[in-house]
Amino acid sequence: MKFFVPATRNLEEAEKVHGILRKSMLKHRYETTDLRIYSITFDDNNLRITETVGKPSETSGETIVAIFQSGDLYLICTNNRGVLRGMPMIAGEWAVTQVELFEVGA
């Protein structure tokens, strides 16, 4: 999948918004990697959950705006969880079974 951020009009705008969101994770004390994550699958309380950028969250129902990696955590951002307010949803690396990155150079 080519890189995008929901509700942006083009790649340039998507890059800018992604950078702003990445910097905003610092206010929650999360230093993130450069990885462009499209989707993650993880186990939570015996449920297999897949969260994908641009699709509704299986847990909150809100559109996933971005997914970041910070150490051994994955930060799953929606408007109300990490973008406009609140903390991102979190999945521990130990529970993650699959990570799909955006295409390189997309």
PDB file of N, CA and C in Angstrom:
ATOM      1  N   MET A   1       0.847  -1.174   0.000  1.00  0.00           N
ATOM      2  CA  MET A   1       0.000   0.000   0.000  1.00  0.00           C
ATOM      3  C   MET A   1       0.896   1.242   0.000  1.00  0.00           C
ATOM      4  N   LYS A   2       0.543   2.196  -0.850  1.00  0.00           N
ATOM      5  CA  LYS A   2       1.281   3.454  -0.886  1.00  0.00           C
ATOM      6  C   LYS A   2       0.931   4.293   0.338  1.00  0.00           C
ATOM      7  N   PHE A   3       1.927   5.021   0.837  1.00  0.00           N
ATOM      8  CA  PHE A   3       1.767   5.811   2.045  1.00  0.00           C
ATOM      9  C   PHE A   3       0.681   6.866   1.892  1.00  0.00           C
ATOM     10  N   PHE A   4      -0.154   6.984   2.924  1.00  0.00           N
ATOM     11  CA  PHE A   4      -1.163   8.036   2.996  1.00  0.00           C
ATOM     12  C   PHE A   4      -1.530   8.267   4.457  1.00  0.00           C
ATOM     13  N   VAL A   5      -2.159   9.374   4.708  1.00  0.00           N
ATOM     14  CA  VAL A   5      -2.777   9.678   5.994  1.00  0.00           C
ATOM     15  C   VAL A   5      -4.219  10.038   5.669  1.00  0.00           C
ATOM     16  N   PRO A   6      -5.205   9.404   6.322  1.00  0.00           N
ATOM     17  CA  PRO A   6      -6.605   9.705   6.020  1.00  0.00           C
ATOM     18  C   PRO A   6      -6.896  11.200   6.099  1.00  0.00           C
ATOM     19  N   ALA A   7      -7.751  11.662   5.198  1.00  0.00           N
ATOM     20  CA  ALA A   7      -8.224  13.051   5.127  1.00  0.00           C
ATOM     21  C   ALA A   7      -7.188  14.031   4.594  1.00  0.00           C
ATOM     22  N   THR A   8      -6.042  13.537   4.110  1.00  0.00           N
ATOM     23  CA  THR A   8      -5.094  14.435   3.446  1.00  0.00           C
ATOM     24  C   THR A   8      -5.328  14.331   1.947  1.00  0.00           C
ATOM     25  N   ARG A   9      -4.949  15.385   1.211  1.00  0.00           N
ATOM     26  CA  ARG A   9      -5.236  15.456  -0.221  1.00  0.00           C
ATOM     27  C   ARG A   9      -4.143  14.889  -1.116  1.00  0.00           C
ATOM     28  N   ASN A  10      -2.907  14.868  -0.603  1.00  0.00           N
ATOM     29  CA  ASN A  10      -1.811  14.414  -1.455  1.00  0.00           C
ATOM     30  C   ASN A  10      -0.654  13.939  -0.574  1.00  0.00           C
ATOM     31  N   LEU A  11       0.368  13.425  -1.213  1.00  0.00           N
ATOM     32  CA  LEU A  11       1.512  12.877  -0.480  1.00  0.00           C
ATOM     33  C   LEU A  11       2.212  13.946   0.347  1.00  0.00           C
ATOM     34  N   GLU A  12       2.360  15.142  -0.200  1.00  0.00           N
ATOM     35  CA  GLU A  12       3.036  16.217   0.526  1.00  0.00           C
ATOM     36  C   GLU A  12       2.296  16.540   1.833  1.00  0.00           C
ATOM     37  N   GLU A  13       0.997  16.650   1.753  1.00  0.00           N
ATOM     38  CA  GLU A  13       0.197  16.935   2.953  1.00  0.00           C
ATOM     39  C   GLU A  13       0.252  15.761   3.929  1.00  0.00           C
ATOM     40  N   ALA A  14       0.216  14.529   3.401  1.00  0.00           N
ATOM     41  CA  ALA A  14       0.298  13.343   4.253  1.00  0.00           C
ATOM     42  C   ALA A  14       1.617  13.313   5.011  1.00  0.00           C
ATOM     43  N   GLU A  15       2.714  13.637   4.333  1.00  0.00           N
ATOM     44  CA  GLU A  15       4.032  13.668   4.976  1.00  0.00           C
ATOM     45  C   GLU A  15       4.056  14.694   6.111  1.00  0.00           C
ATOM     46  N   LYS A  16       3.484  15.873   5.855  1.00  0.00           N
ATOM     47  CA  LYS A  16       3.474  16.939   6.855  1.00  0.00           C
ATOM     48  C   LYS A  16       2.660  16.516   8.079  1.00  0.00           C
ATOM     49  N   VAL A  17       1.467  15.988   7.862  1.00  0.00           N
ATOM     50  CA  VAL A  17       0.601  15.574   8.973  1.00  0.00           C
ATOM     51  C   VAL A  17       1.249  14.433   9.755  1.00  0.00           C
ATOM     52  N   HIS A  18       1.841  13.487   9.054  1.00  0.00           N
ATOM     53  CA  HIS A  18       2.504  12.359   9.726  1.00  0.00           C
ATOM     54  C   HIS A  18       3.633  12.865  10.619  1.00  0.00           C
ATOM     55  N   GLY A  19       4.395  13.815  10.120  1.00  0.00           N
ATOM     56  CA  GLY A  19       5.485  14.392  10.913  1.00  0.00           C
ATOM     57  C   GLY A  19       4.975  15.105  12.157  1.00  0.00           C
ATOM     58  N   ILE A  20       3.881  15.838  12.004  1.00  0.00           N
ATOM     59  CA  ILE A  20       3.282  16.536  13.147  1.00  0.00           C
ATOM     60  C   ILE A  20       2.787  15.525  14.177  1.00  0.00           C
ATOM     61  N   LEU A  21       2.118  14.491  13.718  1.00  0.00           N
ATOM     62  CA  LEU A  21       1.618  13.462  14.632  1.00  0.00           C
ATOM     63  C   LEU A  21       2.767  12.752  15.345  1.00  0.00           C
ATOM     64  N   ARG A  22       3.814  12.472  14.594  1.00  0.00           N
ATOM     65  CA  ARG A  22       4.974  11.796  15.189  1.00  0.00           C
ATOM     66  C   ARG A  22       5.583  12.661  16.293  1.00  0.00           C
ATOM     67  N   LYS A  23       5.738  13.947  16.031  1.00  0.00           N
ATOM     68  CA  LYS A  23       6.263  14.857  17.052  1.00  0.00           C
ATOM     69  C   LYS A  23       5.326  14.959  18.245  1.00  0.00           C
ATOM     70  N   SER A  24       4.023  14.887  17.990  1.00  0.00           N
ATOM     71  CA  SER A  24       3.064  15.006  19.095  1.00  0.00           C
ATOM     72  C   SER A  24       3.138  13.815  20.045  1.00  0.00           C
ATOM     73  N   MET A  25       3.672  12.690  19.591  1.00  0.00           N
ATOM     74  CA  MET A  25       3.814  11.528  20.469  1.00  0.00           C
ATOM     75  C   MET A  25       4.826  11.821  21.581  1.00  0.00           C
ATOM     76  N   LEU A  26       5.720  12.783  21.337  1.00  0.00           N
ATOM     77  CA  LEU A  26       6.704  13.166  22.350  1.00  0.00           C
ATOM     78  C   LEU A  26       6.050  13.766  23.591  1.00  0.00           C
ATOM     79  N   LYS A  27       4.902  14.429  23.416  1.00  0.00           N
ATOM     80  CA  LYS A  27       4.237  15.014  24.589  1.00  0.00           C
ATOM     81  C   LYS A  27       3.725  13.920  25.529  1.00  0.00           C
ATOM     82  N   HIS A  28       3.557  12.723  24.995  1.00  0.00           N
ATOM     83  CA  HIS A  28       3.173  11.572  25.821  1.00  0.00           C
ATOM     84  C   HIS A  28       4.408  10.752  26.219  1.00  0.00           C
ATOM     85  N   ARG A  29       5.587  11.300  25.901  1.00  0.00           N
ATOM     86  CA  ARG A  29       6.881  10.669  26.214  1.00  0.00           C
ATOM     87  C   ARG A  29       7.160   9.418  25.369  1.00  0.00           C
ATOM     88  N   TYR A  30       6.630   9.387  24.152  1.00  0.00           N
ATOM     89  CA  TYR A  30       6.906   8.288  23.237  1.00  0.00           C
ATOM     90  C   TYR A  30       7.801   8.786  22.104  1.00  0.00           C
ATOM     91  N   GLU A  31       9.021   8.285  22.074  1.00  0.00           N
ATOM     92  CA  GLU A  31       9.911   8.575  20.966  1.00  0.00           C
ATOM     93  C   GLU A  31       9.680   7.486  19.924  1.00  0.00           C
ATOM     94  N   THR A  32       9.324   7.873  18.710  1.00  0.00           N
ATOM     95  CA  THR A  32       8.919   6.899  17.704  1.00  0.00           C
ATOM     96  C   THR A  32      10.008   6.650  16.658  1.00  0.00           C
ATOM     97  N   THR A  33       9.900   5.507  16.001  1.00  0.00           N
ATOM     98  CA  THR A  33      10.831   5.149  14.923  1.00  0.00           C
ATOM     99  C   THR A  33      10.378   5.806  13.617  1.00  0.00           C
ATOM    100  N   ASP A  34      11.196   5.665  12.586  1.00  0.00           N
ATOM    101  CA  ASP A  34      10.866   6.184  11.255  1.00  0.00           C
ATOM    102  C   ASP A  34       9.936   5.260  10.473  1.00  0.00           C
ATOM    103  N   LEU A  35       9.615   4.098  11.015  1.00  0.00           N
ATOM    104  CA  LEU A  35       8.789   3.135  10.292  1.00  0.00           C
ATOM    105  C   LEU A  35       7.445   3.738   9.901  1.00  0.00           C
ATOM    106  N   ARG A  36       7.017   3.456   8.686  1.00  0.00           N
ATOM    107  CA  ARG A  36       5.689   3.850   8.205  1.00  0.00           C
ATOM    108  C   ARG A  36       4.826   2.598   8.258  1.00  0.00           C
ATOM    109  N   ILE A  37       4.040   2.464   9.312  1.00  0.00           N
ATOM    110  CA  ILE A  37       3.283   1.238   9.550  1.00  0.00           C
ATOM    111  C   ILE A  37       1.870   1.388   8.994  1.00  0.00           C
ATOM    112  N   TYR A  38       1.496   0.436   8.151  1.00  0.00           N
ATOM    113  CA  TYR A  38       0.166   0.419   7.550  1.00  0.00           C
ATOM    114  C   TYR A  38      -0.824  -0.356   8.417  1.00  0.00           C
ATOM    115  N   SER A  39      -0.375  -1.478   8.978  1.00  0.00           N
ATOM    116  CA  SER A  39      -1.299  -2.346   9.702  1.00  0.00           C
ATOM    117  C   SER A  39      -0.544  -3.191  10.724  1.00  0.00           C
ATOM    118  N   ILE A  40      -1.205  -3.475  11.848  1.00  0.00           N
ATOM    119  CA  ILE A  40      -0.656  -4.429  12.808  1.00  0.00           C
ATOM    120  C   ILE A  40      -1.767  -5.384  13.234  1.00  0.00           C
ATOM    121  N   THR A  41      -1.349  -6.605  13.524  1.00  0.00           N
ATOM    122  CA  THR A  41      -2.248  -7.614  14.068  1.00  0.00           C
ATOM    123  C   THR A  41      -1.666  -8.040  15.400  1.00  0.00           C
ATOM    124  N   PHE A  42      -2.520  -8.114  16.413  1.00  0.00           N
ATOM    125  CA  PHE A  42      -2.045  -8.482  17.746  1.00  0.00           C
ATOM    126  C   PHE A  42      -3.137  -9.224  18.501  1.00  0.00           C
ATOM    127  N   ASP A  43      -2.714  -9.907  19.539  1.00  0.00           N
ATOM    128  CA  ASP A  43      -3.635 -10.639  20.408  1.00  0.00           C
ATOM    129  C   ASP A  43      -3.909  -9.808  21.651  1.00  0.00           C
ATOM    130  N   ASP A  44      -5.190  -9.699  22.010  1.00  0.00           N
ATOM    131  CA  ASP A  44      -5.591  -8.950  23.191  1.00  0.00           C
ATOM    132  C   ASP A  44      -6.732  -9.695  23.878  1.00  0.00           C
ATOM    133  N   ASN A  45      -6.450 -10.225  25.057  1.00  0.00           N
ATOM    134  CA  ASN A  45      -7.464 -10.978  25.811  1.00  0.00           C
ATOM    135  C   ASN A  45      -8.102 -12.081  24.968  1.00  0.00           C
ATOM    136  N   ASN A  46      -7.253 -12.864  24.327  1.00  0.00           N
ATOM    137  CA  ASN A  46      -7.681 -13.996  23.501  1.00  0.00           C
ATOM    138  C   ASN A  46      -8.438 -13.599  22.239  1.00  0.00           C
ATOM    139  N   LEU A  47      -8.333 -12.343  21.845  1.00  0.00           N
ATOM    140  CA  LEU A  47      -8.916 -11.877  20.587  1.00  0.00           C
ATOM    141  C   LEU A  47      -7.793 -11.487  19.642  1.00  0.00           C
ATOM    142  N   ARG A  48      -7.912 -11.830  18.375  1.00  0.00           N
ATOM    143  CA  ARG A  48      -6.951 -11.397  17.354  1.00  0.00           C
ATOM    144  C   ARG A  48      -7.508 -10.132  16.726  1.00  0.00           C
ATOM    145  N   ILE A  49      -6.762  -9.041  16.852  1.00  0.00           N
ATOM    146  CA  ILE A  49      -7.211  -7.737  16.379  1.00  0.00           C
ATOM    147  C   ILE A  49      -6.255  -7.232  15.305  1.00  0.00           C
ATOM    148  N   THR A  50      -6.821  -6.707  14.223  1.00  0.00           N
ATOM    149  CA  THR A  50      -6.028  -6.060  13.180  1.00  0.00           C
ATOM    150  C   THR A  50      -6.465  -4.609  13.089  1.00  0.00           C
ATOM    151  N   GLU A  51      -5.518  -3.708  13.222  1.00  0.00           N
ATOM    152  CA  GLU A  51      -5.771  -2.277  13.109  1.00  0.00           C
ATOM    153  C   GLU A  51      -5.015  -1.771  11.884  1.00  0.00           C
ATOM    154  N   THR A  52      -5.728  -1.090  10.975  1.00  0.00           N
ATOM    155  CA  THR A  52      -5.174  -0.690   9.684  1.00  0.00           C
ATOM    156  C   THR A  52      -5.455   0.789   9.438  1.00  0.00           C
ATOM    157  N   VAL A  53      -4.433   1.516   9.015  1.00  0.00           N
ATOM    158  CA  VAL A  53      -4.586   2.942   8.699  1.00  0.00           C
ATOM    159  C   VAL A  53      -5.662   3.110   7.625  1.00  0.00           C
ATOM    160  N   GLY A  54      -6.578   4.045   7.896  1.00  0.00           N
ATOM    161  CA  GLY A  54      -7.641   4.343   6.943  1.00  0.00           C
ATOM    162  C   GLY A  54      -8.907   3.538   7.152  1.00  0.00           C
ATOM    163  N   LYS A  55      -8.855   2.557   8.037  1.00  0.00           N
ATOM    164  CA  LYS A  55     -10.020   1.709   8.300  1.00  0.00           C
ATOM    165  C   LYS A  55     -10.501   1.924   9.732  1.00  0.00           C
ATOM    166  N   PRO A  56     -11.770   1.590   9.994  1.00  0.00           N
ATOM    167  CA  PRO A  56     -12.268   1.720  11.363  1.00  0.00           C
ATOM    168  C   PRO A  56     -11.544   0.761  12.306  1.00  0.00           C
ATOM    169  N   SER A  57     -11.239   1.252  13.489  1.00  0.00           N
ATOM    170  CA  SER A  57     -10.598   0.430  14.509  1.00  0.00           C
ATOM    171  C   SER A  57     -11.543  -0.676  14.941  1.00  0.00           C
ATOM    172  N   GLU A  58     -10.992  -1.878  15.110  1.00  0.00           N
ATOM    173  CA  GLU A  58     -11.796  -2.987  15.596  1.00  0.00           C
ATOM    174  C   GLU A  58     -12.189  -2.789  17.053  1.00  0.00           C
ATOM    175  N   THR A  59     -11.458  -1.949  17.778  1.00  0.00           N
ATOM    176  CA  THR A  59     -11.759  -1.761  19.193  1.00  0.00           C
ATOM    177  C   THR A  59     -12.542  -0.482  19.482  1.00  0.00           C
ATOM    178  N   SER A  60     -12.246   0.615  18.778  1.00  0.00           N
ATOM    179  CA  SER A  60     -12.929   1.879  19.077  1.00  0.00           C
ATOM    180  C   SER A  60     -13.949   2.271  18.013  1.00  0.00           C
ATOM    181  N   GLY A  61     -13.841   1.712  16.820  1.00  0.00           N
ATOM    182  CA  GLY A  61     -14.740   2.081  15.731  1.00  0.00           C
ATOM    183  C   GLY A  61     -14.314   3.324  14.975  1.00  0.00           C
ATOM    184  N   GLU A  62     -13.344   4.066  15.510  1.00  0.00           N
ATOM    185  CA  GLU A  62     -12.861   5.271  14.847  1.00  0.00           C
ATOM    186  C   GLU A  62     -11.838   4.924  13.771  1.00  0.00           C
ATOM    187  N   THR A  63     -11.712   5.778  12.769  1.00  0.00           N
ATOM    188  CA  THR A  63     -10.730   5.570  11.715  1.00  0.00           C
ATOM    189  C   THR A  63      -9.319   5.665  12.270  1.00  0.00           C
ATOM    190  N   ILE A  64      -8.486   4.701  11.905  1.00  0.00           N
ATOM    191  CA  ILE A  64      -7.077   4.724  12.294  1.00  0.00           C
ATOM    192  C   ILE A  64      -6.372   5.763  11.421  1.00  0.00           C
ATOM    193  N   VAL A  65      -5.722   6.731  12.062  1.00  0.00           N
ATOM    194  CA  VAL A  65      -5.042   7.820  11.357  1.00  0.00           C
ATOM    195  C   VAL A  65      -3.564   7.497  11.148  1.00  0.00           C
ATOM    196  N   ALA A  66      -2.933   6.873  12.139  1.00  0.00           N
ATOM    197  CA  ALA A  66      -1.512   6.529  12.038  1.00  0.00           C
ATOM    198  C   ALA A  66      -1.179   5.471  13.080  1.00  0.00           C
ATOM    199  N   ILE A  67      -0.122   4.705  12.780  1.00  0.00           N
ATOM    200  CA  ILE A  67       0.407   3.723  13.725  1.00  0.00           C
ATOM    201  C   ILE A  67       1.909   3.966  13.811  1.00  0.00           C
ATOM    202  N   PHE A  68       2.409   4.105  15.030  1.00  0.00           N
ATOM    203  CA  PHE A  68       3.824   4.344  15.257  1.00  0.00           C
ATOM    204  C   PHE A  68       4.398   3.243  16.140  1.00  0.00           C
ATOM    205  N   GLN A  69       5.720   3.043  16.026  1.00  0.00           N
ATOM    206  CA  GLN A  69       6.419   2.145  16.943  1.00  0.00           C
ATOM    207  C   GLN A  69       7.283   2.994  17.863  1.00  0.00           C
ATOM    208  N   SER A  70       7.217   2.665  19.156  1.00  0.00           N
ATOM    209  CA  SER A  70       8.025   3.347  20.164  1.00  0.00           C
ATOM    210  C   SER A  70       8.576   2.280  21.092  1.00  0.00           C
ATOM    211  N   GLY A  71       9.842   1.944  20.910  1.00  0.00           N
ATOM    212  CA  GLY A  71      10.434   0.873  21.717  1.00  0.00           C
ATOM    213  C   GLY A  71       9.696  -0.427  21.477  1.00  0.00           C
ATOM    214  N   ASP A  72       9.184  -1.035  22.554  1.00  0.00           N
ATOM    215  CA  ASP A  72       8.459  -2.300  22.399  1.00  0.00           C
ATOM    216  C   ASP A  72       6.944  -2.092  22.412  1.00  0.00           C
ATOM    217  N   LEU A  73       6.519  -0.871  22.047  1.00  0.00           N
ATOM    218  CA  LEU A  73       5.092  -0.557  21.973  1.00  0.00           C
ATOM    219  C   LEU A  73       4.715  -0.073  20.579  1.00  0.00           C
ATOM    220  N   TYR A  74       3.471  -0.337  20.212  1.00  0.00           N
ATOM    221  CA  TYR A  74       2.890   0.223  18.996  1.00  0.00           C
ATOM    222  C   TYR A  74       1.792   1.180  19.417  1.00  0.00           C
ATOM    223  N   LEU A  75       1.803   2.374  18.856  1.00  0.00           N
ATOM    224  CA  LEU A  75       0.863   3.431  19.193  1.00  0.00           C
ATOM    225  C   LEU A  75      -0.137   3.558  18.053  1.00  0.00           C
ATOM    226  N   ILE A  76      -1.386   3.312  18.348  1.00  0.00           N
ATOM    227  CA  ILE A  76      -2.442   3.309  17.341  1.00  0.00           C
ATOM    228  C   ILE A  76      -3.265   4.574  17.548  1.00  0.00           C
ATOM    229  N   CYS A  77      -3.246   5.462  16.556  1.00  0.00           N
ATOM    230  CA  CYS A  77      -3.848   6.788  16.709  1.00  0.00           C
ATOM    231  C   CYS A  77      -5.136   6.945  15.917  1.00  0.00           C
ATOM    232  N   THR A  78      -6.159   7.437  16.605  1.00  0.00           N
ATOM    233  CA  THR A  78      -7.406   7.877  15.995  1.00  0.00           C
ATOM    234  C   THR A  78      -7.604   9.331  16.422  1.00  0.00           C
ATOM    235  N   ASN A  79      -8.624   9.989  15.911  1.00  0.00           N
ATOM    236  CA  ASN A  79      -8.832  11.393  16.289  1.00  0.00           C
ATOM    237  C   ASN A  79      -8.953  11.575  17.793  1.00  0.00           C
ATOM    238  N   ASN A  80      -9.695  10.700  18.462  1.00  0.00           N
ATOM    239  CA  ASN A  80      -9.901  10.836  19.905  1.00  0.00           C
ATOM    240  C   ASN A  80      -8.882  10.087  20.738  1.00  0.00           C
ATOM    241  N   ARG A  81      -8.011   9.346  20.097  1.00  0.00           N
ATOM    242  CA  ARG A  81      -6.987   8.583  20.807  1.00  0.00           C
ATOM    243  C   ARG A  81      -5.621   8.918  20.206  1.00  0.00           C
ATOM    244  N   GLY A  82      -5.097  10.099  20.574  1.00  0.00           N
ATOM    245  CA  GLY A  82      -3.737  10.451  20.185  1.00  0.00           C
ATOM    246  C   GLY A  82      -3.589  11.530  19.140  1.00  0.00           C
ATOM    247  N   VAL A  83      -4.666  11.845  18.385  1.00  0.00           N
ATOM    248  CA  VAL A  83      -4.536  12.883  17.363  1.00  0.00           C
ATOM    249  C   VAL A  83      -5.037  14.215  17.901  1.00  0.00           C
ATOM    250  N   LEU A  84      -6.315  14.345  18.149  1.00  0.00           N
ATOM    251  CA  LEU A  84      -6.866  15.610  18.646  1.00  0.00           C
ATOM    252  C   LEU A  84      -6.889  15.692  20.162  1.00  0.00           C
ATOM    253  N   ARG A  85      -6.965  14.528  20.816  1.00  0.00           N
ATOM    254  CA  ARG A  85      -7.011  14.487  22.282  1.00  0.00           C
ATOM    255  C   ARG A  85      -6.647  13.089  22.740  1.00  0.00           C
ATOM    256  N   GLY A  86      -6.393  12.982  24.009  1.00  0.00           N
ATOM    257  CA  GLY A  86      -6.167  11.678  24.615  1.00  0.00           C
ATOM    258  C   GLY A  86      -4.859  11.003  24.234  1.00  0.00           C
ATOM    259  N   MET A  87      -4.703   9.821  24.804  1.00  0.00           N
ATOM    260  CA  MET A  87      -3.521   8.991  24.551  1.00  0.00           C
ATOM    261  C   MET A  87      -3.833   8.021  23.416  1.00  0.00           C
ATOM    262  N   PRO A  88      -2.815   7.632  22.641  1.00  0.00           N
ATOM    263  CA  PRO A  88      -3.067   6.629  21.611  1.00  0.00           C
ATOM    264  C   PRO A  88      -3.397   5.276  22.252  1.00  0.00           C
ATOM    265  N   MET A  89      -4.056   4.427  21.490  1.00  0.00           N
ATOM    266  CA  MET A  89      -4.240   3.043  21.929  1.00  0.00           C
ATOM    267  C   MET A  89      -2.871   2.380  21.839  1.00  0.00           C
ATOM    268  N   ILE A  90      -2.614   1.408  22.679  1.00  0.00           N
ATOM    269  CA  ILE A  90      -1.288   0.804  22.743  1.00  0.00           C
ATOM    270  C   ILE A  90      -1.382  -0.710  22.599  1.00  0.00           C
ATOM    271  N   ALA A  91      -0.473  -1.261  21.803  1.00  0.00           N
ATOM    272  CA  ALA A  91      -0.301  -2.713  21.699  1.00  0.00           C
ATOM    273  C   ALA A  91       1.157  -3.019  21.996  1.00  0.00           C
ATOM    274  N   GLY A  92       1.406  -3.961  22.870  1.00  0.00           N
ATOM    275  CA  GLY A  92       2.770  -4.361  23.187  1.00  0.00           C
ATOM    276  C   GLY A  92       3.340  -5.254  22.110  1.00  0.00           C
ATOM    277  N   GLU A  93       4.623  -5.061  21.829  1.00  0.00           N
ATOM    278  CA  GLU A  93       5.296  -5.849  20.800  1.00  0.00           C
ATOM    279  C   GLU A  93       5.152  -7.349  21.056  1.00  0.00           C
ATOM    280  N   TRP A  94       5.125  -7.749  22.336  1.00  0.00           N
ATOM    281  CA  TRP A  94       5.013  -9.156  22.697  1.00  0.00           C
ATOM    282  C   TRP A  94       3.695  -9.764  22.226  1.00  0.00           C
ATOM    283  N   ALA A  95       2.659  -8.919  21.984  1.00  0.00           N
ATOM    284  CA  ALA A  95       1.359  -9.419  21.552  1.00  0.00           C
ATOM    285  C   ALA A  95       1.174  -9.320  20.037  1.00  0.00           C
ATOM    286  N   VAL A  96       2.076  -8.587  19.365  1.00  0.00           N
ATOM    287  CA  VAL A  96       1.937  -8.350  17.925  1.00  0.00           C
ATOM    288  C   VAL A  96       2.412  -9.570  17.145  1.00  0.00           C
ATOM    289  N   THR A  97       1.553 -10.024  16.239  1.00  0.00           N
ATOM    290  CA  THR A  97       1.870 -11.201  15.424  1.00  0.00           C
ATOM    291  C   THR A  97       2.221 -10.843  13.990  1.00  0.00           C
ATOM    292  N   GLN A  98       1.827  -9.625  13.554  1.00  0.00           N
ATOM    293  CA  GLN A  98       2.131  -9.228  12.177  1.00  0.00           C
ATOM    294  C   GLN A  98       2.174  -7.703  12.088  1.00  0.00           C
ATOM    295  N   VAL A  99       3.140  -7.203  11.327  1.00  0.00           N
ATOM    296  CA  VAL A  99       3.261  -5.773  11.042  1.00  0.00           C
ATOM    297  C   VAL A  99       3.405  -5.635   9.535  1.00  0.00           C
ATOM    298  N   GLU A 100       2.568  -4.786   8.948  1.00  0.00           N
ATOM    299  CA  GLU A 100       2.667  -4.509   7.511  1.00  0.00           C
ATOM    300  C   GLU A 100       3.046  -3.048   7.339  1.00  0.00           C
ATOM    301  N   LEU A 101       4.142  -2.809   6.647  1.00  0.00           N
ATOM    302  CA  LEU A 101       4.623  -1.448   6.413  1.00  0.00           C
ATOM    303  C   LEU A 101       4.051  -0.909   5.105  1.00  0.00           C
ATOM    304  N   PHE A 102       4.000   0.427   5.003  1.00  0.00           N
ATOM    305  CA  PHE A 102       3.680   1.038   3.724  1.00  0.00           C
ATOM    306  C   PHE A 102       4.821   0.745   2.764  1.00  0.00           C
ATOM    307  N   GLU A 103       4.552   0.781   1.470  1.00  0.00           N
ATOM    308  CA  GLU A 103       5.584   0.562   0.463  1.00  0.00           C
ATOM    309  C   GLU A 103       6.701   1.585   0.625  1.00  0.00           C
ATOM    310  N   VAL A 104       7.941   1.169   0.456  1.00  0.00           N
ATOM    311  CA  VAL A 104       9.082   2.066   0.536  1.00  0.00           C
ATOM    312  C   VAL A 104       9.083   2.961  -0.702  1.00  0.00           C
ATOM    313  N   GLY A 105       9.327   4.244  -0.479  1.00  0.00           N
ATOM    314  CA  GLY A 105       9.384   5.194  -1.591  1.00  0.00           C
ATOM    315  C   GLY A 105       8.023   5.548  -2.136  1.00  0.00           C
ATOM    316  N   ALA A 106       6.993   5.235  -1.390  1.00  0.00           N
ATOM    317  CA  ALA A 106       5.625   5.488  -1.870  1.00  0.00           C
ATOM    318  C   ALA A 106       5.277   6.939  -1.731  1.00  0.00           C
TER     319      ALA A 106
END
